[in-house]
Amino acid sequence: MQSLFSIRENIMEVAEQKNSEERTITLRKRLEDRRLRIVASRIGMTYAALSRIMRGGKPSQRTIERLEKYLES
């Protein structure tokens, strides 16, 4: 039987994954009309990596934060 602590950890992990997925979907929408080569170079990643994210790849938390920061500026 799982402890309450273990169950809470699982719930928090699922919530974090959902939040990350929602943020990624929002980023994809906001980047649709951008030139990905320019965005990638300005945030220090490759065009190929950014293109993969736009086609459905899962970005790291760090990449999500870098993209959000770029779009806010």
C-alpha atoms as a PDB file:
ATOM      1  CA  MET A   1       0.000   0.000   0.000  1.00  0.00           C
ATOM      2  CA  GLN A   2       1.311   3.431  -0.929  1.00  0.00           C
ATOM      3  CA  SER A   3       1.926   5.953   1.790  1.00  0.00           C
ATOM      4  CA  LEU A   4       0.174   9.296   1.712  1.00  0.00           C
ATOM      5  CA  PHE A   5       3.527  10.944   1.026  1.00  0.00           C
ATOM      6  CA  SER A   6       4.083   8.738  -2.025  1.00  0.00           C
ATOM      7  CA  ILE A   7       0.578   9.425  -3.340  1.00  0.00           C
ATOM      8  CA  ARG A   8       1.089  13.168  -2.857  1.00  0.00           C
ATOM      9  CA  GLU A   9       4.380  13.011  -4.766  1.00  0.00           C
ATOM     10  CA  ASN A  10       2.659  11.228  -7.662  1.00  0.00           C
ATOM     11  CA  ILE A  11      -0.115  13.819  -7.775  1.00  0.00           C
ATOM     12  CA  MET A  12       2.407  16.673  -7.756  1.00  0.00           C
ATOM     13  CA  GLU A  13       4.395  15.027 -10.557  1.00  0.00           C
ATOM     14  CA  VAL A  14       1.298  14.627 -12.747  1.00  0.00           C
ATOM     15  CA  ALA A  15       0.286  18.246 -12.107  1.00  0.00           C
ATOM     16  CA  GLU A  16       3.781  19.448 -13.007  1.00  0.00           C
ATOM     17  CA  GLN A  17       3.761  17.437 -16.247  1.00  0.00           C
ATOM     18  CA  LYS A  18       0.361  18.860 -17.195  1.00  0.00           C
ATOM     19  CA  ASN A  19       1.555  22.401 -16.489  1.00  0.00           C
ATOM     20  CA  SER A  20       4.646  21.797 -18.614  1.00  0.00           C
ATOM     21  CA  GLU A  21       2.538  20.448 -21.481  1.00  0.00           C
ATOM     22  CA  GLU A  22       0.176  23.439 -21.317  1.00  0.00           C
ATOM     23  CA  ARG A  23       3.122  25.844 -21.329  1.00  0.00           C
ATOM     24  CA  THR A  24       4.621  24.027 -24.328  1.00  0.00           C
ATOM     25  CA  ILE A  25       1.346  24.257 -26.280  1.00  0.00           C
ATOM     26  CA  THR A  26       1.153  27.978 -25.513  1.00  0.00           C
ATOM     27  CA  LEU A  27       4.758  28.478 -26.627  1.00  0.00           C
ATOM     28  CA  ARG A  28       4.130  26.646 -29.901  1.00  0.00           C
ATOM     29  CA  LYS A  29       1.171  28.907 -30.645  1.00  0.00           C
ATOM     30  CA  ARG A  30       3.150  32.044 -29.820  1.00  0.00           C
ATOM     31  CA  LEU A  31       6.085  30.945 -31.990  1.00  0.00           C
ATOM     32  CA  GLU A  32       4.021  30.021 -35.071  1.00  0.00           C
ATOM     33  CA  ASP A  33       4.661  33.313 -36.844  1.00  0.00           C
ATOM     34  CA  ARG A  34       8.301  33.652 -35.777  1.00  0.00           C
ATOM     35  CA  ARG A  35      11.451  32.884 -37.739  1.00  0.00           C
ATOM     36  CA  LEU A  36      12.704  29.896 -35.812  1.00  0.00           C
ATOM     37  CA  ARG A  37      16.327  30.291 -36.885  1.00  0.00           C
ATOM     38  CA  ILE A  38      16.444  33.752 -35.337  1.00  0.00           C
ATOM     39  CA  VAL A  39      14.640  32.684 -32.155  1.00  0.00           C
ATOM     40  CA  ALA A  40      16.936  29.681 -31.759  1.00  0.00           C
ATOM     41  CA  SER A  41      20.097  31.738 -32.164  1.00  0.00           C
ATOM     42  CA  ARG A  42      18.889  34.379 -29.702  1.00  0.00           C
ATOM     43  CA  ILE A  43      18.161  31.870 -26.950  1.00  0.00           C
ATOM     44  CA  GLY A  44      21.266  29.778 -27.574  1.00  0.00           C
ATOM     45  CA  MET A  45      19.861  26.627 -29.096  1.00  0.00           C
ATOM     46  CA  THR A  46      19.960  25.058 -32.530  1.00  0.00           C
ATOM     47  CA  TYR A  47      17.320  25.513 -35.179  1.00  0.00           C
ATOM     48  CA  ALA A  48      16.941  21.726 -35.380  1.00  0.00           C
ATOM     49  CA  ALA A  49      16.139  21.466 -31.657  1.00  0.00           C
ATOM     50  CA  LEU A  50      13.583  24.275 -31.813  1.00  0.00           C
ATOM     51  CA  SER A  51      12.052  22.819 -34.950  1.00  0.00           C
ATOM     52  CA  ARG A  52      11.670  19.456 -33.175  1.00  0.00           C
ATOM     53  CA  ILE A  53       9.814  21.158 -30.340  1.00  0.00           C
ATOM     54  CA  MET A  54       7.505  22.873 -32.819  1.00  0.00           C
ATOM     55  CA  ARG A  55       6.722  19.494 -34.404  1.00  0.00           C
ATOM     56  CA  GLY A  56       5.737  17.953 -31.085  1.00  0.00           C
ATOM     57  CA  GLY A  57       8.974  17.227 -29.247  1.00  0.00           C
ATOM     58  CA  LYS A  58       9.109  17.684 -25.495  1.00  0.00           C
ATOM     59  CA  PRO A  59      11.326  20.586 -24.389  1.00  0.00           C
ATOM     60  CA  SER A  60      13.217  20.635 -21.110  1.00  0.00           C
ATOM     61  CA  GLN A  61      12.081  22.902 -18.311  1.00  0.00           C
ATOM     62  CA  ARG A  62      15.110  25.104 -18.994  1.00  0.00           C
ATOM     63  CA  THR A  63      14.162  25.480 -22.660  1.00  0.00           C
ATOM     64  CA  ILE A  64      10.569  26.360 -21.752  1.00  0.00           C
ATOM     65  CA  GLU A  65      11.837  29.071 -19.427  1.00  0.00           C
ATOM     66  CA  ARG A  66      14.266  30.451 -22.040  1.00  0.00           C
ATOM     67  CA  LEU A  67      11.524  30.613 -24.672  1.00  0.00           C
ATOM     68  CA  GLU A  68       9.089  32.303 -22.285  1.00  0.00           C
ATOM     69  CA  LYS A  69      11.722  34.853 -21.315  1.00  0.00           C
ATOM     70  CA  TYR A  70      12.490  35.542 -24.991  1.00  0.00           C
ATOM     71  CA  LEU A  71       8.819  36.025 -25.836  1.00  0.00           C
ATOM     72  CA  GLU A  72       8.303  38.390 -22.888  1.00  0.00           C
ATOM     73  CA  SER A  73      11.077  40.723 -24.038  1.00  0.00           C
END
